[in-house]
Amino acid sequence: ARYAAFLGGGIVVASYVFETLRLLSAPLRGWESASVFALQKAGMSLSGEIHPGPIMLLLGLTMVFMVAAAMAMDRRDLTD
């Protein structure tokens, strides 16, 4: 559980740092598709349009991580 927490926290921190640098640096502004935060913002806009692509990508990533976590827990021996 400790490694999963470190990995999740590391991904969030790295994503936040990347998003901050992307907004501050002109050469990185074109990398919007690589930012998790930009994908989250693209799901809903003020005009009321819903863009299903970014939402489906985040849902897909969530499902992949859930399956990986379930497989890792299934292999673990909890009878100790």
C-alpha atoms as a PDB file:
ATOM      1  CA  ALA A   1       0.000   0.000   0.000  1.00  0.00           C
ATOM      2  CA  ARG A   2       2.919   2.297   0.705  1.00  0.00           C
ATOM      3  CA  TYR A   3       4.271   1.943  -2.830  1.00  0.00           C
ATOM      4  CA  ALA A   4       0.869   2.627  -4.354  1.00  0.00           C
ATOM      5  CA  ALA A   5       0.543   5.792  -2.256  1.00  0.00           C
ATOM      6  CA  PHE A   6       4.025   6.942  -3.276  1.00  0.00           C
ATOM      7  CA  LEU A   7       3.307   6.205  -6.935  1.00  0.00           C
ATOM      8  CA  GLY A   8      -0.047   7.987  -6.889  1.00  0.00           C
ATOM      9  CA  GLY A   9       1.382  10.971  -5.044  1.00  0.00           C
ATOM     10  CA  GLY A  10       4.355  11.114  -7.382  1.00  0.00           C
ATOM     11  CA  ILE A  11       2.099  11.121 -10.446  1.00  0.00           C
ATOM     12  CA  VAL A  12      -0.038  13.928  -9.014  1.00  0.00           C
ATOM     13  CA  VAL A  13       2.983  16.056  -8.055  1.00  0.00           C
ATOM     14  CA  ALA A  14       4.710  15.471 -11.404  1.00  0.00           C
ATOM     15  CA  SER A  15       1.499  16.333 -13.273  1.00  0.00           C
ATOM     16  CA  TYR A  16       1.062  19.520 -11.256  1.00  0.00           C
ATOM     17  CA  VAL A  17       4.671  20.605 -11.834  1.00  0.00           C
ATOM     18  CA  PHE A  18       4.369  19.858 -15.560  1.00  0.00           C
ATOM     19  CA  GLU A  19       1.102  21.819 -15.820  1.00  0.00           C
ATOM     20  CA  THR A  20       2.635  24.788 -13.991  1.00  0.00           C
ATOM     21  CA  LEU A  21       5.719  24.777 -16.220  1.00  0.00           C
ATOM     22  CA  ARG A  22       3.523  24.350 -19.300  1.00  0.00           C
ATOM     23  CA  LEU A  23       1.511  27.457 -18.425  1.00  0.00           C
ATOM     24  CA  LEU A  24       4.625  29.524 -17.653  1.00  0.00           C
ATOM     25  CA  SER A  25       6.803  28.453 -20.565  1.00  0.00           C
ATOM     26  CA  ALA A  26       5.966  29.466 -24.129  1.00  0.00           C
ATOM     27  CA  PRO A  27       7.659  26.435 -25.771  1.00  0.00           C
ATOM     28  CA  LEU A  28       5.649  24.012 -23.615  1.00  0.00           C
ATOM     29  CA  ARG A  29       2.223  25.548 -24.291  1.00  0.00           C
ATOM     30  CA  GLY A  30       1.711  23.279 -27.281  1.00  0.00           C
ATOM     31  CA  TRP A  31       1.966  20.196 -25.047  1.00  0.00           C
ATOM     32  CA  GLU A  32      -1.581  20.590 -23.738  1.00  0.00           C
ATOM     33  CA  SER A  33      -2.527  17.055 -24.795  1.00  0.00           C
ATOM     34  CA  ALA A  34       0.140  15.620 -22.453  1.00  0.00           C
ATOM     35  CA  SER A  35      -1.249  17.363 -19.372  1.00  0.00           C
ATOM     36  CA  VAL A  36      -3.683  15.510 -17.120  1.00  0.00           C
ATOM     37  CA  PHE A  37      -5.002  18.816 -15.780  1.00  0.00           C
ATOM     38  CA  ALA A  38      -5.625  20.193 -19.272  1.00  0.00           C
ATOM     39  CA  LEU A  39      -7.529  17.011 -20.152  1.00  0.00           C
ATOM     40  CA  GLN A  40      -9.687  17.433 -17.067  1.00  0.00           C
ATOM     41  CA  LYS A  41     -10.445  21.063 -17.963  1.00  0.00           C
ATOM     42  CA  ALA A  42     -11.346  20.111 -21.537  1.00  0.00           C
ATOM     43  CA  GLY A  43     -14.216  17.911 -20.359  1.00  0.00           C
ATOM     44  CA  MET A  44     -16.445  20.839 -19.471  1.00  0.00           C
ATOM     45  CA  SER A  45     -16.312  24.322 -20.841  1.00  0.00           C
ATOM     46  CA  LEU A  46     -18.137  27.506 -19.967  1.00  0.00           C
ATOM     47  CA  SER A  47     -20.058  27.344 -23.225  1.00  0.00           C
ATOM     48  CA  GLY A  48     -21.861  24.232 -22.009  1.00  0.00           C
ATOM     49  CA  GLU A  49     -20.306  21.849 -24.538  1.00  0.00           C
ATOM     50  CA  ILE A  50     -19.174  18.450 -23.358  1.00  0.00           C
ATOM     51  CA  HIS A  51     -16.197  16.947 -25.170  1.00  0.00           C
ATOM     52  CA  PRO A  52     -16.313  13.162 -24.682  1.00  0.00           C
ATOM     53  CA  GLY A  53     -12.730  12.450 -25.824  1.00  0.00           C
ATOM     54  CA  PRO A  54     -10.854  13.699 -22.728  1.00  0.00           C
ATOM     55  CA  ILE A  55     -13.494  12.287 -20.407  1.00  0.00           C
ATOM     56  CA  MET A  56     -13.234   8.845 -22.019  1.00  0.00           C
ATOM     57  CA  LEU A  57      -9.432   8.991 -21.841  1.00  0.00           C
ATOM     58  CA  LEU A  58      -9.492   9.712 -18.104  1.00  0.00           C
ATOM     59  CA  LEU A  59     -12.100   6.980 -17.544  1.00  0.00           C
ATOM     60  CA  GLY A  60      -9.986   4.545 -19.541  1.00  0.00           C
ATOM     61  CA  LEU A  61      -6.874   5.362 -17.518  1.00  0.00           C
ATOM     62  CA  THR A  62      -8.863   4.916 -14.320  1.00  0.00           C
ATOM     63  CA  MET A  63     -10.050   1.494 -15.441  1.00  0.00           C
ATOM     64  CA  VAL A  64      -6.511   0.418 -16.388  1.00  0.00           C
ATOM     65  CA  PHE A  65      -5.178   1.416 -12.970  1.00  0.00           C
ATOM     66  CA  MET A  66      -8.098  -0.275 -11.202  1.00  0.00           C
ATOM     67  CA  VAL A  67      -7.483  -3.561 -13.053  1.00  0.00           C
ATOM     68  CA  ALA A  68      -3.755  -3.356 -12.326  1.00  0.00           C
ATOM     69  CA  ALA A  69      -4.452  -2.747  -8.638  1.00  0.00           C
ATOM     70  CA  ALA A  70      -6.918  -5.641  -8.502  1.00  0.00           C
ATOM     71  CA  MET A  71      -4.397  -7.968 -10.129  1.00  0.00           C
ATOM     72  CA  ALA A  72      -1.679  -6.879  -7.699  1.00  0.00           C
ATOM     73  CA  MET A  73      -3.968  -7.437  -4.710  1.00  0.00           C
ATOM     74  CA  ASP A  74      -5.090 -10.828  -6.020  1.00  0.00           C
ATOM     75  CA  ARG A  75      -1.482 -12.086  -6.086  1.00  0.00           C
ATOM     76  CA  ARG A  76      -0.782 -10.886  -2.568  1.00  0.00           C
ATOM     77  CA  ASP A  77      -0.958 -13.406   0.285  1.00  0.00           C
ATOM     78  CA  LEU A  78      -2.941 -11.841   3.112  1.00  0.00           C
ATOM     79  CA  THR A  79      -2.956 -14.922   5.366  1.00  0.00           C
ATOM     80  CA  ASP A  80       0.270 -14.070   7.221  1.00  0.00           C
END
